[in-house]
Amino acid sequence: MENKVALVTGAAGGIGEAVVRALVGRGVTVALVDRNGDRLEELAKELRNDGGRAEAFPVDVTSSAAVESVVAEVEQHLGGIDYLVNGAGVLRLGQARDLTDDDWTTTFAVNTTGVFFTSRAVVNRMLAQGRRGAIVTVASNAAGTARMDMSAYSASKAAATMFTKTLGLEVSKFGIRANVVAPGSTDTPMLSSLWEDSSAARASIDGVASAYRVGIPLGRIAQPEHIADAVLFLLSDMAAHITMHELTVDGGAALGH
C-alpha cells in the first residue's frame, strides 16, 4: 500500500480517524475529508509531524459541486486516488413515526447521498486515468438487522450498502473493487453521545430484551481500530479477489447475519 493515495471521508474522528491513522502507518498519502476543518488541520499536522503524509480538505459531502471540486483538488495536490473510504456518517434516533423531515433528509444526505457523490467523483477519475483502485463504504450491521429507534439510520446504511455493491458490479471489469464494512457498537463519540450513564455500555454488551437486542457474544464493544483493520484488509492486495462483499465487524451482535 506504500506510496498509494487515499481519500477518507468522515476523517475528523471516530472510525474515520482510525482509518486515516492506519493508512498513514502503511505509507499511504491520505486526503482527510470532513466538514470539521479545524479538527482536520489539527490531525493532518500531527500526522505530518510524526513523518506521515496527510493533507486536510474540508468539505460537506452532501454538496455535489463541493465534492467534485475537492476530489479534483486532491488529485492536483496529491496525485491520482487509489483508495476511497466512505466514512462520513450521522445518526438521528427516534421512533419512525416521530422523526422530523430534517432527521430523515439529513441522515440520507450524509449516509447515502454523500457516499454516492464521493464514489461517483472518485470512480470517474479512476476510469479516466485507467487506474485500478478500491473503495470501502463504512455502513452498519443495522443495515441488515432491525434496531429500535434507528429506522432512518438503518435505511440509509442499507441503501449505501446496496449502492456500493452495485457500483462494484458495474466497475469490476475495470479492475476497481468496491466493498462494505459493517460495524456494530464501536467506541466512538457517535456511540458515547447516546449513553446517559456508564451502564449503557454494559447494556450494549449484555443485550436489552425489551429492545430485542441480543448483546455482543464476544463480550466487548469494538474499538475504532478493529474497524480500521477490516477496512485496510479490503483495500489491500490481500483482498485482491474480493469485491461486492459485506464484512460485518460486530463481535457477533447480528448473530452472523
C-alpha atoms as a PDB file:
ATOM      1  CA  MET A   1       0.000   0.000   0.000  1.00  0.00           C
ATOM      2  CA  GLU A   2       3.029   2.259   0.284  1.00  0.00           C
ATOM      3  CA  ASN A   3       3.023   5.365  -1.923  1.00  0.00           C
ATOM      4  CA  LYS A   4      -0.655   4.982  -2.775  1.00  0.00           C
ATOM      5  CA  VAL A   5      -3.136   7.851  -2.344  1.00  0.00           C
ATOM      6  CA  ALA A   6      -6.324   7.514  -0.307  1.00  0.00           C
ATOM      7  CA  LEU A   7      -9.295   9.796   0.265  1.00  0.00           C
ATOM      8  CA  VAL A   8     -11.151   9.245   3.554  1.00  0.00           C
ATOM      9  CA  THR A   9     -14.428  10.990   4.383  1.00  0.00           C
ATOM     10  CA  GLY A  10     -15.501  11.418   7.991  1.00  0.00           C
ATOM     11  CA  ALA A  11     -11.788  11.696   8.800  1.00  0.00           C
ATOM     12  CA  ALA A  12     -12.063  14.096  11.736  1.00  0.00           C
ATOM     13  CA  GLY A  13     -12.899  11.482  14.358  1.00  0.00           C
ATOM     14  CA  GLY A  14     -14.102   8.039  15.345  1.00  0.00           C
ATOM     15  CA  ILE A  15     -13.735   5.280  12.773  1.00  0.00           C
ATOM     16  CA  GLY A  16     -12.642   7.699  10.049  1.00  0.00           C
ATOM     17  CA  GLU A  17      -9.703   8.935  12.109  1.00  0.00           C
ATOM     18  CA  ALA A  18      -8.687   5.368  12.950  1.00  0.00           C
ATOM     19  CA  VAL A  19      -8.714   4.514   9.232  1.00  0.00           C
ATOM     20  CA  VAL A  20      -6.597   7.562   8.452  1.00  0.00           C
ATOM     21  CA  ARG A  21      -4.021   6.631  11.088  1.00  0.00           C
ATOM     22  CA  ALA A  22      -3.877   3.047   9.868  1.00  0.00           C
ATOM     23  CA  LEU A  23      -3.377   4.103   6.252  1.00  0.00           C
ATOM     24  CA  VAL A  24      -0.691   6.643   7.101  1.00  0.00           C
ATOM     25  CA  GLY A  25       1.042   3.927   9.116  1.00  0.00           C
ATOM     26  CA  ARG A  26       1.200   1.832   5.939  1.00  0.00           C
ATOM     27  CA  GLY A  27       2.896   4.617   3.983  1.00  0.00           C
ATOM     28  CA  VAL A  28      -0.255   5.807   2.214  1.00  0.00           C
ATOM     29  CA  THR A  29      -0.698   9.505   1.415  1.00  0.00           C
ATOM     30  CA  VAL A  30      -4.111  10.407   2.813  1.00  0.00           C
ATOM     31  CA  ALA A  31      -6.547  13.181   1.924  1.00  0.00           C
ATOM     32  CA  LEU A  32      -8.577  13.898   5.059  1.00  0.00           C
ATOM     33  CA  VAL A  33     -12.130  14.943   4.176  1.00  0.00           C
ATOM     34  CA  ASP A  34     -14.683  16.159   6.700  1.00  0.00           C
ATOM     35  CA  ARG A  35     -16.728  19.292   7.350  1.00  0.00           C
ATOM     36  CA  ASN A  36     -14.835  19.862  10.636  1.00  0.00           C
ATOM     37  CA  GLY A  37     -11.963  21.821   9.146  1.00  0.00           C
ATOM     38  CA  ASP A  38     -10.269  22.734  12.428  1.00  0.00           C
ATOM     39  CA  ARG A  39     -10.014  19.123  13.566  1.00  0.00           C
ATOM     40  CA  LEU A  40      -8.827  18.039  10.113  1.00  0.00           C
ATOM     41  CA  GLU A  41      -5.981  20.546  10.155  1.00  0.00           C
ATOM     42  CA  GLU A  42      -5.008  19.507  13.678  1.00  0.00           C
ATOM     43  CA  LEU A  43      -4.943  15.814  12.773  1.00  0.00           C
ATOM     44  CA  ALA A  44      -3.108  16.337   9.490  1.00  0.00           C
ATOM     45  CA  LYS A  45      -0.439  18.430  11.227  1.00  0.00           C
ATOM     46  CA  GLU A  46       0.006  15.769  13.925  1.00  0.00           C
ATOM     47  CA  LEU A  47       0.420  13.040  11.318  1.00  0.00           C
ATOM     48  CA  ARG A  48       2.932  15.074   9.314  1.00  0.00           C
ATOM     49  CA  ASN A  49       4.937  15.850  12.457  1.00  0.00           C
ATOM     50  CA  ASP A  50       5.185  12.099  13.000  1.00  0.00           C
ATOM     51  CA  GLY A  51       6.521  11.608   9.487  1.00  0.00           C
ATOM     52  CA  GLY A  52       3.266  10.715   7.751  1.00  0.00           C
ATOM     53  CA  ARG A  53       1.802  12.168   4.578  1.00  0.00           C
ATOM     54  CA  ALA A  54      -1.615  13.711   5.167  1.00  0.00           C
ATOM     55  CA  GLU A  55      -3.460  16.795   3.961  1.00  0.00           C
ATOM     56  CA  ALA A  56      -6.759  18.303   5.107  1.00  0.00           C
ATOM     57  CA  PHE A  57      -9.540  19.032   2.623  1.00  0.00           C
ATOM     58  CA  PRO A  58     -12.605  20.411   4.457  1.00  0.00           C
ATOM     59  CA  VAL A  59     -15.863  19.765   2.586  1.00  0.00           C
ATOM     60  CA  ASP A  60     -19.509  18.898   3.144  1.00  0.00           C
ATOM     61  CA  VAL A  61     -20.147  15.594   1.366  1.00  0.00           C
ATOM     62  CA  THR A  62     -23.829  16.488   0.875  1.00  0.00           C
ATOM     63  CA  SER A  63     -22.860  19.020  -1.801  1.00  0.00           C
ATOM     64  CA  SER A  64     -22.271  17.501  -5.219  1.00  0.00           C
ATOM     65  CA  ALA A  65     -20.373  20.519  -6.545  1.00  0.00           C
ATOM     66  CA  ALA A  66     -18.187  20.732  -3.442  1.00  0.00           C
ATOM     67  CA  VAL A  67     -17.331  17.035  -3.629  1.00  0.00           C
ATOM     68  CA  GLU A  68     -16.404  17.222  -7.319  1.00  0.00           C
ATOM     69  CA  SER A  69     -14.233  20.246  -6.590  1.00  0.00           C
ATOM     70  CA  VAL A  70     -12.424  18.700  -3.636  1.00  0.00           C
ATOM     71  CA  VAL A  71     -11.716  15.434  -5.472  1.00  0.00           C
ATOM     72  CA  ALA A  72     -10.140  17.448  -8.282  1.00  0.00           C
ATOM     73  CA  GLU A  73      -8.137  19.404  -5.691  1.00  0.00           C
ATOM     74  CA  VAL A  74      -6.915  16.203  -4.028  1.00  0.00           C
ATOM     75  CA  GLU A  75      -5.665  14.838  -7.336  1.00  0.00           C
ATOM     76  CA  GLN A  76      -3.987  18.129  -8.183  1.00  0.00           C
ATOM     77  CA  HIS A  77      -2.091  18.211  -4.878  1.00  0.00           C
ATOM     78  CA  LEU A  78      -1.542  14.536  -4.071  1.00  0.00           C
ATOM     79  CA  GLY A  79      -1.931  12.625  -7.343  1.00  0.00           C
ATOM     80  CA  GLY A  80      -4.421  10.061  -8.611  1.00  0.00           C
ATOM     81  CA  ILE A  81      -6.605   8.448  -5.956  1.00  0.00           C
ATOM     82  CA  ASP A  82      -6.098   4.711  -5.428  1.00  0.00           C
ATOM     83  CA  TYR A  83      -8.360   4.174  -2.409  1.00  0.00           C
ATOM     84  CA  LEU A  84     -11.640   5.696  -1.261  1.00  0.00           C
ATOM     85  CA  VAL A  85     -13.123   5.154   2.191  1.00  0.00           C
ATOM     86  CA  ASN A  86     -16.665   6.441   2.677  1.00  0.00           C
ATOM     87  CA  GLY A  87     -16.615   7.002   6.432  1.00  0.00           C
ATOM     88  CA  ALA A  88     -18.786  10.095   6.917  1.00  0.00           C
ATOM     89  CA  GLY A  89     -21.978   9.404   8.826  1.00  0.00           C
ATOM     90  CA  VAL A  90     -24.634  10.842  11.113  1.00  0.00           C
ATOM     91  CA  LEU A  91     -27.118   9.218  13.491  1.00  0.00           C
ATOM     92  CA  ARG A  92     -30.569  10.552  14.321  1.00  0.00           C
ATOM     93  CA  LEU A  93     -32.510   8.416  16.767  1.00  0.00           C
ATOM     94  CA  GLY A  94     -36.238   8.190  17.295  1.00  0.00           C
ATOM     95  CA  GLN A  95     -39.321   6.134  16.598  1.00  0.00           C
ATOM     96  CA  ALA A  96     -40.053   6.152  12.869  1.00  0.00           C
ATOM     97  CA  ARG A  97     -43.353   7.950  13.375  1.00  0.00           C
ATOM     98  CA  ASP A  98     -41.658  10.693  15.414  1.00  0.00           C
ATOM     99  CA  LEU A  99     -38.742  11.523  13.119  1.00  0.00           C
ATOM    100  CA  THR A 100     -38.763  15.010  11.661  1.00  0.00           C
ATOM    101  CA  ASP A 101     -38.308  15.808   7.990  1.00  0.00           C
ATOM    102  CA  ASP A 102     -34.854  17.138   8.849  1.00  0.00           C
ATOM    103  CA  ASP A 103     -33.918  13.948  10.718  1.00  0.00           C
ATOM    104  CA  TRP A 104     -34.719  11.894   7.638  1.00  0.00           C
ATOM    105  CA  THR A 105     -33.266  14.127   4.944  1.00  0.00           C
ATOM    106  CA  THR A 106     -30.061  14.889   6.839  1.00  0.00           C
ATOM    107  CA  THR A 107     -29.445  11.218   7.592  1.00  0.00           C
ATOM    108  CA  PHE A 108     -29.814  10.234   3.950  1.00  0.00           C
ATOM    109  CA  ALA A 109     -27.934  13.298   2.686  1.00  0.00           C
ATOM    110  CA  VAL A 110     -24.793  12.269   4.578  1.00  0.00           C
ATOM    111  CA  ASN A 111     -25.031   8.490   4.873  1.00  0.00           C
ATOM    112  CA  THR A 112     -26.320   7.690   1.391  1.00  0.00           C
ATOM    113  CA  THR A 113     -26.131  10.666  -0.965  1.00  0.00           C
ATOM    114  CA  GLY A 114     -22.678  11.600   0.322  1.00  0.00           C
ATOM    115  CA  VAL A 115     -21.488   8.086  -0.493  1.00  0.00           C
ATOM    116  CA  PHE A 116     -22.943   8.449  -4.000  1.00  0.00           C
ATOM    117  CA  PHE A 117     -21.401  11.872  -4.648  1.00  0.00           C
ATOM    118  CA  THR A 118     -17.945  10.894  -3.430  1.00  0.00           C
ATOM    119  CA  SER A 119     -17.877   7.470  -5.064  1.00  0.00           C
ATOM    120  CA  ARG A 120     -19.047   8.870  -8.389  1.00  0.00           C
ATOM    121  CA  ALA A 121     -16.431  11.623  -8.388  1.00  0.00           C
ATOM    122  CA  VAL A 122     -13.569   9.284  -7.482  1.00  0.00           C
ATOM    123  CA  VAL A 123     -14.570   6.402  -9.766  1.00  0.00           C
ATOM    124  CA  ASN A 124     -14.977   8.625 -12.800  1.00  0.00           C
ATOM    125  CA  ARG A 125     -11.457   9.952 -12.300  1.00  0.00           C
ATOM    126  CA  MET A 126     -10.108   6.436 -11.807  1.00  0.00           C
ATOM    127  CA  LEU A 127     -11.698   5.412 -15.107  1.00  0.00           C
ATOM    128  CA  ALA A 128     -10.467   8.487 -16.952  1.00  0.00           C
ATOM    129  CA  GLN A 129      -6.910   7.647 -15.930  1.00  0.00           C
ATOM    130  CA  GLY A 130      -7.202   3.894 -16.427  1.00  0.00           C
ATOM    131  CA  ARG A 131      -6.418   3.498 -12.739  1.00  0.00           C
ATOM    132  CA  ARG A 132      -7.377   0.387 -10.781  1.00  0.00           C
ATOM    133  CA  GLY A 133      -8.499   1.095  -7.244  1.00  0.00           C
ATOM    134  CA  ALA A 134     -10.510   0.007  -4.241  1.00  0.00           C
ATOM    135  CA  ILE A 135     -13.474   1.507  -2.411  1.00  0.00           C
ATOM    136  CA  VAL A 136     -14.782   0.679   1.045  1.00  0.00           C
ATOM    137  CA  THR A 137     -18.014   2.081   2.434  1.00  0.00           C
ATOM    138  CA  VAL A 138     -18.410   2.003   6.214  1.00  0.00           C
ATOM    139  CA  ALA A 139     -22.042   1.031   6.738  1.00  0.00           C
ATOM    140  CA  SER A 140     -23.514  -0.717   9.807  1.00  0.00           C
ATOM    141  CA  ASN A 141     -24.807  -4.075  10.986  1.00  0.00           C
ATOM    142  CA  ALA A 142     -28.074  -2.160  11.468  1.00  0.00           C
ATOM    143  CA  ALA A 143     -28.405  -2.183   7.669  1.00  0.00           C
ATOM    144  CA  GLY A 144     -29.468  -5.811   7.888  1.00  0.00           C
ATOM    145  CA  THR A 145     -30.777  -6.155  11.442  1.00  0.00           C
ATOM    146  CA  ALA A 146     -33.720  -4.072  12.626  1.00  0.00           C
ATOM    147  CA  ARG A 147     -32.952  -1.853  15.619  1.00  0.00           C
ATOM    148  CA  MET A 148     -35.418   0.141  17.690  1.00  0.00           C
ATOM    149  CA  ASP A 149     -35.299   3.928  17.122  1.00  0.00           C
ATOM    150  CA  MET A 150     -32.887   3.590  14.176  1.00  0.00           C
ATOM    151  CA  SER A 151     -35.166   3.478  11.138  1.00  0.00           C
ATOM    152  CA  ALA A 152     -33.570   6.409   9.298  1.00  0.00           C
ATOM    153  CA  TYR A 153     -30.020   5.337  10.087  1.00  0.00           C
ATOM    154  CA  SER A 154     -30.650   1.692   9.227  1.00  0.00           C
ATOM    155  CA  ALA A 155     -32.405   2.542   5.969  1.00  0.00           C
ATOM    156  CA  SER A 156     -29.671   4.959   4.920  1.00  0.00           C
ATOM    157  CA  LYS A 157     -26.941   2.426   5.628  1.00  0.00           C
ATOM    158  CA  ALA A 158     -28.857  -0.314   3.807  1.00  0.00           C
ATOM    159  CA  ALA A 159     -29.108   1.961   0.782  1.00  0.00           C
ATOM    160  CA  ALA A 160     -25.399   2.808   0.958  1.00  0.00           C
ATOM    161  CA  THR A 161     -24.579  -0.887   1.222  1.00  0.00           C
ATOM    162  CA  MET A 162     -26.518  -1.866  -1.878  1.00  0.00           C
ATOM    163  CA  PHE A 163     -25.278   1.164  -3.793  1.00  0.00           C
ATOM    164  CA  THR A 164     -21.690   0.141  -3.068  1.00  0.00           C
ATOM    165  CA  LYS A 165     -22.256  -3.468  -4.096  1.00  0.00           C
ATOM    166  CA  THR A 166     -23.957  -2.413  -7.342  1.00  0.00           C
ATOM    167  CA  LEU A 167     -21.159   0.041  -8.066  1.00  0.00           C
ATOM    168  CA  GLY A 168     -18.713  -2.791  -7.502  1.00  0.00           C
ATOM    169  CA  LEU A 169     -20.531  -4.913 -10.065  1.00  0.00           C
ATOM    170  CA  GLU A 170     -20.519  -2.146 -12.643  1.00  0.00           C
ATOM    171  CA  VAL A 171     -16.818  -1.252 -12.337  1.00  0.00           C
ATOM    172  CA  SER A 172     -15.402  -4.726 -11.790  1.00  0.00           C
ATOM    173  CA  LYS A 173     -14.477  -5.018 -15.462  1.00  0.00           C
ATOM    174  CA  PHE A 174     -12.149  -2.046 -14.988  1.00  0.00           C
ATOM    175  CA  GLY A 175     -10.326  -3.662 -12.083  1.00  0.00           C
ATOM    176  CA  ILE A 176     -11.959  -1.456  -9.453  1.00  0.00           C
ATOM    177  CA  ARG A 177     -13.233  -3.195  -6.328  1.00  0.00           C
ATOM    178  CA  ALA A 178     -15.995  -1.928  -4.012  1.00  0.00           C
ATOM    179  CA  ASN A 179     -16.756  -3.484  -0.640  1.00  0.00           C
ATOM    180  CA  VAL A 180     -18.577  -2.706   2.610  1.00  0.00           C
ATOM    181  CA  VAL A 181     -17.528  -2.891   6.248  1.00  0.00           C
ATOM    182  CA  ALA A 182     -20.483  -3.134   8.630  1.00  0.00           C
ATOM    183  CA  PRO A 183     -19.533  -2.277  12.223  1.00  0.00           C
ATOM    184  CA  GLY A 184     -21.638  -2.880  15.275  1.00  0.00           C
ATOM    185  CA  SER A 185     -21.343  -0.901  18.518  1.00  0.00           C
ATOM    186  CA  THR A 186     -17.975   0.855  18.404  1.00  0.00           C
ATOM    187  CA  ASP A 187     -16.350   3.108  20.998  1.00  0.00           C
ATOM    188  CA  THR A 188     -16.704   6.413  19.159  1.00  0.00           C
ATOM    189  CA  PRO A 189     -18.153   9.843  20.035  1.00  0.00           C
ATOM    190  CA  MET A 190     -21.243   8.928  17.986  1.00  0.00           C
ATOM    191  CA  LEU A 191     -21.948   5.986  20.281  1.00  0.00           C
ATOM    192  CA  SER A 192     -20.993   7.569  23.597  1.00  0.00           C
ATOM    193  CA  SER A 193     -23.176  10.601  22.866  1.00  0.00           C
ATOM    194  CA  LEU A 194     -26.163   8.272  23.155  1.00  0.00           C
ATOM    195  CA  TRP A 195     -25.213   6.999  26.598  1.00  0.00           C
ATOM    196  CA  GLU A 196     -26.944   8.522  29.597  1.00  0.00           C
ATOM    197  CA  ASP A 197     -24.563   6.825  32.055  1.00  0.00           C
ATOM    198  CA  SER A 198     -21.903   4.140  32.309  1.00  0.00           C
ATOM    199  CA  SER A 199     -24.493   1.364  32.421  1.00  0.00           C
ATOM    200  CA  ALA A 200     -25.337   1.927  28.755  1.00  0.00           C
ATOM    201  CA  ALA A 201     -22.126   0.291  27.587  1.00  0.00           C
ATOM    202  CA  ARG A 202     -22.842  -2.762  29.705  1.00  0.00           C
ATOM    203  CA  ALA A 203     -26.362  -2.950  28.263  1.00  0.00           C
ATOM    204  CA  SER A 204     -24.945  -2.981  24.732  1.00  0.00           C
ATOM    205  CA  ILE A 205     -22.766  -5.925  25.661  1.00  0.00           C
ATOM    206  CA  ASP A 206     -25.318  -7.869  27.690  1.00  0.00           C
ATOM    207  CA  GLY A 207     -28.289  -7.110  25.454  1.00  0.00           C
ATOM    208  CA  VAL A 208     -31.646  -5.478  26.085  1.00  0.00           C
ATOM    209  CA  ALA A 209     -34.593  -7.862  25.849  1.00  0.00           C
ATOM    210  CA  SER A 210     -37.192  -5.107  25.679  1.00  0.00           C
ATOM    211  CA  ALA A 211     -35.448  -3.684  22.581  1.00  0.00           C
ATOM    212  CA  TYR A 212     -34.878  -7.151  21.049  1.00  0.00           C
ATOM    213  CA  ARG A 213     -31.091  -6.740  21.214  1.00  0.00           C
ATOM    214  CA  VAL A 214     -29.219  -9.946  21.977  1.00  0.00           C
ATOM    215  CA  GLY A 215     -25.974  -8.289  23.031  1.00  0.00           C
ATOM    216  CA  ILE A 216     -22.425  -8.900  21.839  1.00  0.00           C
ATOM    217  CA  PRO A 217     -21.257 -12.527  22.063  1.00  0.00           C
ATOM    218  CA  LEU A 218     -17.560 -11.587  22.231  1.00  0.00           C
ATOM    219  CA  GLY A 219     -18.347  -9.550  25.344  1.00  0.00           C
ATOM    220  CA  ARG A 220     -16.867  -6.193  24.394  1.00  0.00           C
ATOM    221  CA  ILE A 221     -17.565  -3.066  22.375  1.00  0.00           C
ATOM    222  CA  ALA A 222     -15.339  -2.650  19.331  1.00  0.00           C
ATOM    223  CA  GLN A 223     -12.533  -0.129  19.225  1.00  0.00           C
ATOM    224  CA  PRO A 224     -12.250   2.050  16.089  1.00  0.00           C
ATOM    225  CA  GLU A 225      -9.009   0.242  15.261  1.00  0.00           C
ATOM    226  CA  HIS A 226     -10.925  -3.032  14.876  1.00  0.00           C
ATOM    227  CA  ILE A 227     -12.995  -1.448  12.116  1.00  0.00           C
ATOM    228  CA  ALA A 228      -9.952   0.188  10.538  1.00  0.00           C
ATOM    229  CA  ASP A 229      -8.221  -3.199  10.323  1.00  0.00           C
ATOM    230  CA  ALA A 230     -11.144  -4.568   8.305  1.00  0.00           C
ATOM    231  CA  VAL A 231     -11.129  -1.522   6.025  1.00  0.00           C
ATOM    232  CA  LEU A 232      -7.412  -1.858   5.372  1.00  0.00           C
ATOM    233  CA  PHE A 233      -7.774  -5.533   4.564  1.00  0.00           C
ATOM    234  CA  LEU A 234     -10.436  -4.862   1.928  1.00  0.00           C
ATOM    235  CA  LEU A 235      -8.396  -2.046   0.399  1.00  0.00           C
ATOM    236  CA  SER A 236      -5.208  -4.066   0.298  1.00  0.00           C
ATOM    237  CA  ASP A 237      -3.940  -6.614  -2.204  1.00  0.00           C
ATOM    238  CA  MET A 238      -4.747  -9.327   0.342  1.00  0.00           C
ATOM    239  CA  ALA A 239      -8.344  -8.775  -0.798  1.00  0.00           C
ATOM    240  CA  ALA A 240      -7.435  -8.570  -4.486  1.00  0.00           C
ATOM    241  CA  HIS A 241     -10.125 -11.102  -5.455  1.00  0.00           C
ATOM    242  CA  ILE A 242     -12.855  -9.718  -3.192  1.00  0.00           C
ATOM    243  CA  THR A 243     -15.495  -7.281  -4.369  1.00  0.00           C
ATOM    244  CA  MET A 244     -19.179  -6.603  -3.616  1.00  0.00           C
ATOM    245  CA  HIS A 245     -18.581  -8.137  -0.187  1.00  0.00           C
ATOM    246  CA  GLU A 246     -20.014  -7.010   3.153  1.00  0.00           C
ATOM    247  CA  LEU A 247     -17.699  -7.692   6.091  1.00  0.00           C
ATOM    248  CA  THR A 248     -19.513  -7.432   9.438  1.00  0.00           C
ATOM    249  CA  VAL A 249     -17.345  -6.436  12.408  1.00  0.00           C
ATOM    250  CA  ASP A 250     -19.663  -6.507  15.419  1.00  0.00           C
ATOM    251  CA  GLY A 251     -18.428  -9.182  17.813  1.00  0.00           C
ATOM    252  CA  GLY A 252     -21.306 -11.405  16.740  1.00  0.00           C
ATOM    253  CA  ALA A 253     -24.067  -8.946  17.677  1.00  0.00           C
ATOM    254  CA  ALA A 254     -26.046  -9.658  14.498  1.00  0.00           C
ATOM    255  CA  LEU A 255     -25.547 -13.417  15.001  1.00  0.00           C
ATOM    256  CA  GLY A 256     -23.721 -13.807  11.719  1.00  0.00           C
ATOM    257  CA  HIS A 257     -26.251 -12.024   9.514  1.00  0.00           C
END
